[in-house]
C-alpha atoms as a PDB file:
ATOM      1  CA  MET A   1     -51.357  23.468   7.333  1.00  0.00           C
ATOM      2  CA  ALA A   2     -47.552  23.958   7.279  1.00  0.00           C
ATOM      3  CA  ARG A   3     -46.079  27.097   5.823  1.00  0.00           C
ATOM      4  CA  THR A   4     -44.091  26.617   2.646  1.00  0.00           C
ATOM      5  CA  ASP A   5     -41.515  29.316   3.429  1.00  0.00           C
ATOM      6  CA  THR A   6     -40.112  27.530   6.495  1.00  0.00           C
ATOM      7  CA  ILE A   7     -37.598  24.723   6.229  1.00  0.00           C
ATOM      8  CA  SER A   8     -38.319  21.704   8.385  1.00  0.00           C
ATOM      9  CA  SER A   9     -35.646  20.038  10.468  1.00  0.00           C
ATOM     10  CA  THR A  10     -35.810  17.017   8.172  1.00  0.00           C
ATOM     11  CA  GLU A  11     -35.051  19.190   5.147  1.00  0.00           C
ATOM     12  CA  LYS A  12     -32.143  20.821   7.025  1.00  0.00           C
ATOM     13  CA  LEU A  13     -30.744  17.392   7.861  1.00  0.00           C
ATOM     14  CA  LEU A  14     -31.086  16.237   4.266  1.00  0.00           C
ATOM     15  CA  ASP A  15     -29.324  19.403   3.072  1.00  0.00           C
ATOM     16  CA  LEU A  16     -26.473  18.760   5.519  1.00  0.00           C
ATOM     17  CA  ILE A  17     -26.163  15.179   4.306  1.00  0.00           C
ATOM     18  CA  ARG A  18     -26.136  16.302   0.687  1.00  0.00           C
ATOM     19  CA  GLY A  19     -23.438  18.850   1.517  1.00  0.00           C
ATOM     20  CA  LYS A  20     -25.503  21.983   1.019  1.00  0.00           C
ATOM     21  CA  GLN A  21     -25.131  24.917   3.391  1.00  0.00           C
ATOM     22  CA  THR A  22     -28.305  26.073   5.114  1.00  0.00           C
ATOM     23  CA  GLY A  23     -27.087  29.604   5.730  1.00  0.00           C
ATOM     24  CA  ASN A  24     -27.813  29.448   9.466  1.00  0.00           C
ATOM     25  CA  GLY A  25     -24.227  29.897  10.550  1.00  0.00           C
ATOM     26  CA  PRO A  26     -20.947  28.056  10.137  1.00  0.00           C
ATOM     27  CA  PRO A  27     -21.084  24.287   9.706  1.00  0.00           C
ATOM     28  CA  VAL A  28     -20.664  22.288  12.863  1.00  0.00           C
ATOM     29  CA  PRO A  29     -17.476  20.206  12.758  1.00  0.00           C
ATOM     30  CA  VAL A  30     -18.148  16.504  13.039  1.00  0.00           C
ATOM     31  CA  GLU A  31     -15.573  14.426  14.849  1.00  0.00           C
ATOM     32  CA  THR A  32     -14.763  11.169  13.102  1.00  0.00           C
ATOM     33  CA  PRO A  33     -13.799   8.298  15.371  1.00  0.00           C
ATOM     34  CA  THR A  34     -10.168   7.276  15.262  1.00  0.00           C
ATOM     35  CA  SER A  35      -9.179   3.674  14.865  1.00  0.00           C
ATOM     36  CA  SER A  36      -7.863   3.578  18.438  1.00  0.00           C
ATOM     37  CA  SER A  37     -11.154   4.831  19.888  1.00  0.00           C
ATOM     38  CA  VAL A  38     -13.052   2.252  17.827  1.00  0.00           C
ATOM     39  CA  SER A  39     -10.747  -0.557  18.954  1.00  0.00           C
ATOM     40  CA  ASP A  40     -11.028   0.597  22.597  1.00  0.00           C
ATOM     41  CA  LEU A  41     -14.801   0.508  22.321  1.00  0.00           C
ATOM     42  CA  SER A  42     -14.866  -2.871  20.604  1.00  0.00           C
ATOM     43  CA  SER A  43     -12.476  -4.388  23.145  1.00  0.00           C
ATOM     44  CA  ARG A  44     -14.675  -3.128  26.012  1.00  0.00           C
ATOM     45  CA  PHE A  45     -17.772  -4.611  24.426  1.00  0.00           C
ATOM     46  CA  GLY A  46     -15.831  -7.733  23.467  1.00  0.00           C
ATOM     47  CA  ARG A  47     -15.084  -8.400  27.114  1.00  0.00           C
ATOM     48  CA  LEU A  48     -18.679  -7.745  28.156  1.00  0.00           C
ATOM     49  CA  LEU A  49     -20.333  -9.645  25.338  1.00  0.00           C
ATOM     50  CA  LYS A  50     -18.098 -12.562  24.551  1.00  0.00           C
ATOM     51  CA  ILE A  51     -19.153 -13.697  21.102  1.00  0.00           C
ATOM     52  CA  ARG A  52     -19.370 -17.443  20.907  1.00  0.00           C
ATOM     53  CA  ARG A  53     -18.454 -18.925  17.594  1.00  0.00           C
ATOM     54  CA  PRO A  54     -19.431 -22.469  16.692  1.00  0.00           C
ATOM     55  CA  ALA A  55     -16.924 -24.999  17.983  1.00  0.00           C
ATOM     56  CA  THR A  56     -16.088 -28.427  16.645  1.00  0.00           C
ATOM     57  CA  ILE A  57     -14.346 -31.053  18.745  1.00  0.00           C
ATOM     58  CA  GLY A  58     -12.307 -33.759  17.039  1.00  0.00           C
ATOM     59  CA  VAL A  59     -11.749 -36.996  18.958  1.00  0.00           C
ATOM     60  CA  SER A  60      -9.204 -39.660  18.022  1.00  0.00           C
ATOM     61  CA  LEU A  61      -9.070 -42.905  19.973  1.00  0.00           C
ATOM     62  CA  GLY A  62      -5.498 -44.138  19.861  1.00  0.00           C
ATOM     63  CA  TYR A  63      -3.937 -47.296  21.258  1.00  0.00           C
ATOM     64  CA  THR A  64      -2.564 -45.596  24.372  1.00  0.00           C
ATOM     65  CA  ASP A  65      -4.206 -42.173  24.489  1.00  0.00           C
ATOM     66  CA  LEU A  66      -7.150 -40.003  23.571  1.00  0.00           C
ATOM     67  CA  LYS A  67      -6.402 -36.995  21.347  1.00  0.00           C
ATOM     68  CA  LEU A  68      -8.780 -34.016  21.442  1.00  0.00           C
ATOM     69  CA  VAL A  69      -8.794 -30.975  19.171  1.00  0.00           C
ATOM     70  CA  LYS A  70     -11.042 -27.899  19.422  1.00  0.00           C
ATOM     71  CA  ILE A  71     -11.492 -25.528  16.494  1.00  0.00           C
ATOM     72  CA  HIS A  72     -13.620 -22.428  16.016  1.00  0.00           C
ATOM     73  CA  HIS A  73     -14.955 -21.519  12.620  1.00  0.00           C
ATOM     74  CA  ALA A  74     -13.500 -18.047  11.993  1.00  0.00           C
ATOM     75  CA  SER A  75     -15.425 -17.794   8.719  1.00  0.00           C
ATOM     76  CA  ALA A  76     -17.094 -20.058   6.207  1.00  0.00           C
ATOM     77  CA  THR A  77     -13.720 -21.063   4.770  1.00  0.00           C
ATOM     78  CA  SER A  78     -11.257 -20.809   7.651  1.00  0.00           C
ATOM     79  CA  GLN A  79     -10.877 -22.452  11.034  1.00  0.00           C
ATOM     80  CA  GLU A  80      -8.853 -21.504  14.071  1.00  0.00           C
ATOM     81  CA  LEU A  81      -7.203 -24.079  16.345  1.00  0.00           C
ATOM     82  CA  VAL A  82      -8.240 -23.200  19.890  1.00  0.00           C
ATOM     83  CA  ASP A  83      -7.074 -26.145  21.989  1.00  0.00           C
ATOM     84  CA  TYR A  84      -5.340 -29.508  21.670  1.00  0.00           C
ATOM     85  CA  ARG A  85      -4.918 -32.174  24.301  1.00  0.00           C
ATOM     86  CA  SER A  86      -3.553 -35.697  24.465  1.00  0.00           C
ATOM     87  CA  VAL A  87      -4.855 -37.673  27.443  1.00  0.00           C
ATOM     88  CA  ALA A  88      -3.250 -41.007  28.332  1.00  0.00           C
ATOM     89  CA  TYR A  89      -5.662 -43.810  29.167  1.00  0.00           C
ATOM     90  CA  PRO A  90      -5.727 -44.760  32.842  1.00  0.00           C
ATOM     91  CA  PRO A  91      -3.917 -48.024  33.648  1.00  0.00           C
ATOM     92  CA  GLU A  92      -5.795 -51.124  32.463  1.00  0.00           C
ATOM     93  CA  ILE A  93      -8.397 -49.049  30.551  1.00  0.00           C
ATOM     94  CA  ASN A  94      -8.667 -49.163  26.764  1.00  0.00           C
ATOM     95  CA  PRO A  95     -11.572 -48.428  24.378  1.00  0.00           C
ATOM     96  CA  GLN A  96     -12.974 -51.956  24.894  1.00  0.00           C
ATOM     97  CA  HIS A  97     -12.978 -51.724  28.712  1.00  0.00           C
ATOM     98  CA  PRO A  98     -16.420 -51.352  30.412  1.00  0.00           C
ATOM     99  CA  ASP A  99     -15.227 -48.201  32.265  1.00  0.00           C
ATOM    100  CA  PHE A 100     -14.056 -46.498  29.065  1.00  0.00           C
ATOM    101  CA  PRO A 101     -17.376 -44.683  28.345  1.00  0.00           C
ATOM    102  CA  SER A 102     -17.288 -42.933  31.743  1.00  0.00           C
ATOM    103  CA  PHE A 103     -13.617 -41.981  31.200  1.00  0.00           C
ATOM    104  CA  LEU A 104     -14.488 -40.589  27.750  1.00  0.00           C
ATOM    105  CA  LYS A 105     -17.488 -38.639  29.063  1.00  0.00           C
ATOM    106  CA  ARG A 106     -15.480 -37.131  31.931  1.00  0.00           C
ATOM    107  CA  THR A 107     -12.613 -36.161  29.601  1.00  0.00           C
ATOM    108  CA  LEU A 108     -14.950 -34.599  27.011  1.00  0.00           C
ATOM    109  CA  ASN A 109     -16.817 -32.643  29.704  1.00  0.00           C
ATOM    110  CA  GLU A 110     -13.528 -31.203  31.005  1.00  0.00           C
ATOM    111  CA  PHE A 111     -12.352 -30.334  27.493  1.00  0.00           C
ATOM    112  CA  THR A 112     -15.626 -28.668  26.449  1.00  0.00           C
ATOM    113  CA  ARG A 113     -16.650 -27.011  29.728  1.00  0.00           C
ATOM    114  CA  ASP A 114     -16.536 -23.480  28.236  1.00  0.00           C
ATOM    115  CA  THR A 115     -18.193 -24.484  24.951  1.00  0.00           C
ATOM    116  CA  LYS A 116     -21.956 -24.569  24.519  1.00  0.00           C
ATOM    117  CA  PHE A 117     -23.343 -27.251  22.217  1.00  0.00           C
ATOM    118  CA  PRO A 118     -20.138 -28.276  20.413  1.00  0.00           C
ATOM    119  CA  GLU A 119     -20.205 -30.554  17.408  1.00  0.00           C
ATOM    120  CA  ILE A 120     -18.208 -33.685  18.239  1.00  0.00           C
ATOM    121  CA  TRP A 121     -16.595 -35.659  15.440  1.00  0.00           C
ATOM    122  CA  SER A 122     -14.646 -38.877  15.606  1.00  0.00           C
ATOM    123  CA  SER A 123     -13.279 -41.320  13.117  1.00  0.00           C
ATOM    124  CA  ILE A 124     -13.344 -45.077  13.135  1.00  0.00           C
ATOM    125  CA  SER A 125     -11.092 -47.590  11.498  1.00  0.00           C
ATOM    126  CA  SER A 126     -12.028 -48.165   7.865  1.00  0.00           C
ATOM    127  CA  ALA A 127     -11.697 -51.891   8.535  1.00  0.00           C
ATOM    128  CA  ARG A 128     -15.007 -51.646  10.417  1.00  0.00           C
ATOM    129  CA  VAL A 129     -16.864 -49.806   7.627  1.00  0.00           C
ATOM    130  CA  GLU A 130     -18.602 -51.498   4.701  1.00  0.00           C
ATOM    131  CA  LEU A 131     -18.684 -49.193   1.684  1.00  0.00           C
ATOM    132  CA  ARG A 132     -20.330 -49.861  -1.683  1.00  0.00           C
ATOM    133  CA  TYR A 133     -20.754 -47.853  -4.876  1.00  0.00           C
ATOM    134  CA  LEU A 134     -24.199 -48.763  -6.213  1.00  0.00           C
ATOM    135  CA  LYS A 135     -26.327 -48.068  -9.261  1.00  0.00           C
ATOM    136  CA  ILE A 136     -30.030 -48.323  -8.536  1.00  0.00           C
ATOM    137  CA  PRO A 137     -33.039 -48.025 -10.842  1.00  0.00           C
ATOM    138  CA  LYS A 138     -34.347 -44.500 -11.319  1.00  0.00           C
ATOM    139  CA  VAL A 139     -37.222 -44.357  -8.822  1.00  0.00           C
ATOM    140  CA  SER A 140     -39.288 -41.581  -7.246  1.00  0.00           C
ATOM    141  CA  ARG A 141     -37.647 -39.450  -4.574  1.00  0.00           C
ATOM    142  CA  ARG A 142     -39.667 -41.157  -1.816  1.00  0.00           C
ATOM    143  CA  GLN A 143     -38.423 -44.603  -2.842  1.00  0.00           C
ATOM    144  CA  ILE A 144     -34.684 -43.850  -3.117  1.00  0.00           C
ATOM    145  CA  ALA A 145     -33.776 -44.651   0.519  1.00  0.00           C
ATOM    146  CA  ASN A 146     -35.690 -47.933   0.512  1.00  0.00           C
ATOM    147  CA  THR A 147     -34.216 -48.989  -2.845  1.00  0.00           C
ATOM    148  CA  VAL A 148     -30.662 -48.188  -1.703  1.00  0.00           C
ATOM    149  CA  PHE A 149     -31.172 -50.068   1.567  1.00  0.00           C
ATOM    150  CA  TRP A 150     -32.380 -53.286  -0.066  1.00  0.00           C
ATOM    151  CA  THR A 151     -29.801 -53.147  -2.878  1.00  0.00           C
ATOM    152  CA  PHE A 152     -27.046 -52.758  -0.264  1.00  0.00           C
ATOM    153  CA  LYS A 153     -28.563 -55.493   1.922  1.00  0.00           C
ATOM    154  CA  LYS A 154     -28.348 -57.935  -1.039  1.00  0.00           C
ATOM    155  CA  GLU A 155     -24.581 -57.362  -1.241  1.00  0.00           C
ATOM    156  CA  VAL A 156     -23.668 -56.952   2.438  1.00  0.00           C
ATOM    157  CA  SER A 157     -25.187 -58.846   5.336  1.00  0.00           C
ATOM    158  CA  PHE A 158     -25.551 -56.669   8.440  1.00  0.00           C
ATOM    159  CA  SER A 159     -27.725 -56.384  11.533  1.00  0.00           C
ATOM    160  CA  GLU A 160     -29.778 -53.194  11.699  1.00  0.00           C
ATOM    161  CA  ASN A 161     -29.447 -53.210  15.514  1.00  0.00           C
ATOM    162  CA  GLU A 162     -25.649 -53.363  15.450  1.00  0.00           C
ATOM    163  CA  ALA A 163     -24.868 -51.089  12.493  1.00  0.00           C
ATOM    164  CA  VAL A 164     -25.720 -47.632  11.221  1.00  0.00           C
ATOM    165  CA  PHE A 165     -26.671 -47.479   7.549  1.00  0.00           C
ATOM    166  CA  ASP A 166     -26.436 -44.319   5.433  1.00  0.00           C
ATOM    167  CA  PHE A 167     -25.838 -43.271   1.847  1.00  0.00           C
ATOM    168  CA  ASP A 168     -24.878 -40.295  -0.303  1.00  0.00           C
ATOM    169  CA  PHE A 169     -26.735 -39.563  -3.514  1.00  0.00           C
ATOM    170  CA  LEU A 170     -24.142 -38.961  -6.255  1.00  0.00           C
ATOM    171  CA  GLY A 171     -26.380 -38.211  -9.228  1.00  0.00           C
ATOM    172  CA  GLU A 172     -27.890 -39.677 -12.363  1.00  0.00           C
ATOM    173  CA  THR A 173     -26.099 -41.854 -14.919  1.00  0.00           C
ATOM    174  CA  LEU A 174     -26.798 -44.039 -17.916  1.00  0.00           C
ATOM    175  CA  ASP A 175     -26.056 -47.750 -17.630  1.00  0.00           C
ATOM    176  CA  ASP A 176     -26.256 -49.392 -21.079  1.00  0.00           C
ATOM    177  CA  GLY A 177     -28.681 -46.647 -22.113  1.00  0.00           C
ATOM    178  CA  VAL A 178     -30.880 -47.134 -19.033  1.00  0.00           C
ATOM    179  CA  PRO A 179     -31.140 -44.126 -16.655  1.00  0.00           C
ATOM    180  CA  LYS A 180     -30.049 -44.999 -13.112  1.00  0.00           C
ATOM    181  CA  PHE A 181     -29.050 -43.286  -9.876  1.00  0.00           C
ATOM    182  CA  GLU A 182     -25.514 -43.550  -8.466  1.00  0.00           C
ATOM    183  CA  VAL A 183     -25.147 -43.759  -4.696  1.00  0.00           C
ATOM    184  CA  LEU A 184     -22.401 -44.414  -2.184  1.00  0.00           C
ATOM    185  CA  ALA A 185     -23.833 -46.588   0.604  1.00  0.00           C
ATOM    186  CA  TYR A 186     -22.122 -47.604   3.823  1.00  0.00           C
ATOM    187  CA  THR A 187     -22.558 -49.182   7.229  1.00  0.00           C
ATOM    188  CA  ALA A 188     -20.557 -48.606  10.388  1.00  0.00           C
ATOM    189  CA  PRO A 189     -20.826 -50.099  13.866  1.00  0.00           C
ATOM    190  CA  ALA A 190     -23.653 -48.508  15.863  1.00  0.00           C
ATOM    191  CA  PRO A 191     -22.447 -46.138  18.574  1.00  0.00           C
ATOM    192  CA  LYS A 192     -22.948 -47.109  22.169  1.00  0.00           C
ATOM    193  CA  SER A 193     -24.549 -44.372  24.225  1.00  0.00           C
ATOM    194  CA  ILE A 194     -22.507 -42.735  26.965  1.00  0.00           C
ATOM    195  CA  SER A 195     -24.655 -42.120  29.999  1.00  0.00           C
END
């Protein structure tokens, strides 16, 4: 059984934290780190443990060149431009040429060699995208995708093997007093794999 007249080390520590003197001598001065010592330490660790932030690669296929942009997400609301490159197509090669996929793969590998698992985004000409604003009957959650697909298919003829179909759910609405769902549905040419 512990004696009640002795003060444990935990109690002494709590008294120090609370600002009370223990009476066992003068207080020990505590050195607070200066901003320069903190920055020196963080820069040393920064070099040892390079923090990888998520990277996004933007790709634009132009008529004569390939434009590449790399950004890091500094925070949830801000991005930082890390690299930009414009690469001219080799002679006689354009995006429709059979050798273009290997050129694109080689160029992307060079551009992203120090980036693990980047997100790669590209845009396509809007002339190749079919976009429709649709109102569909209010159905169960499991049936929404199927209903959107067949409603879109009635308006736009497309091959499921040659196009990618997707939609965005916009919300509920009333159409002449009847509850319906609003969706934005679209197709785009299916991507060809780069091997």
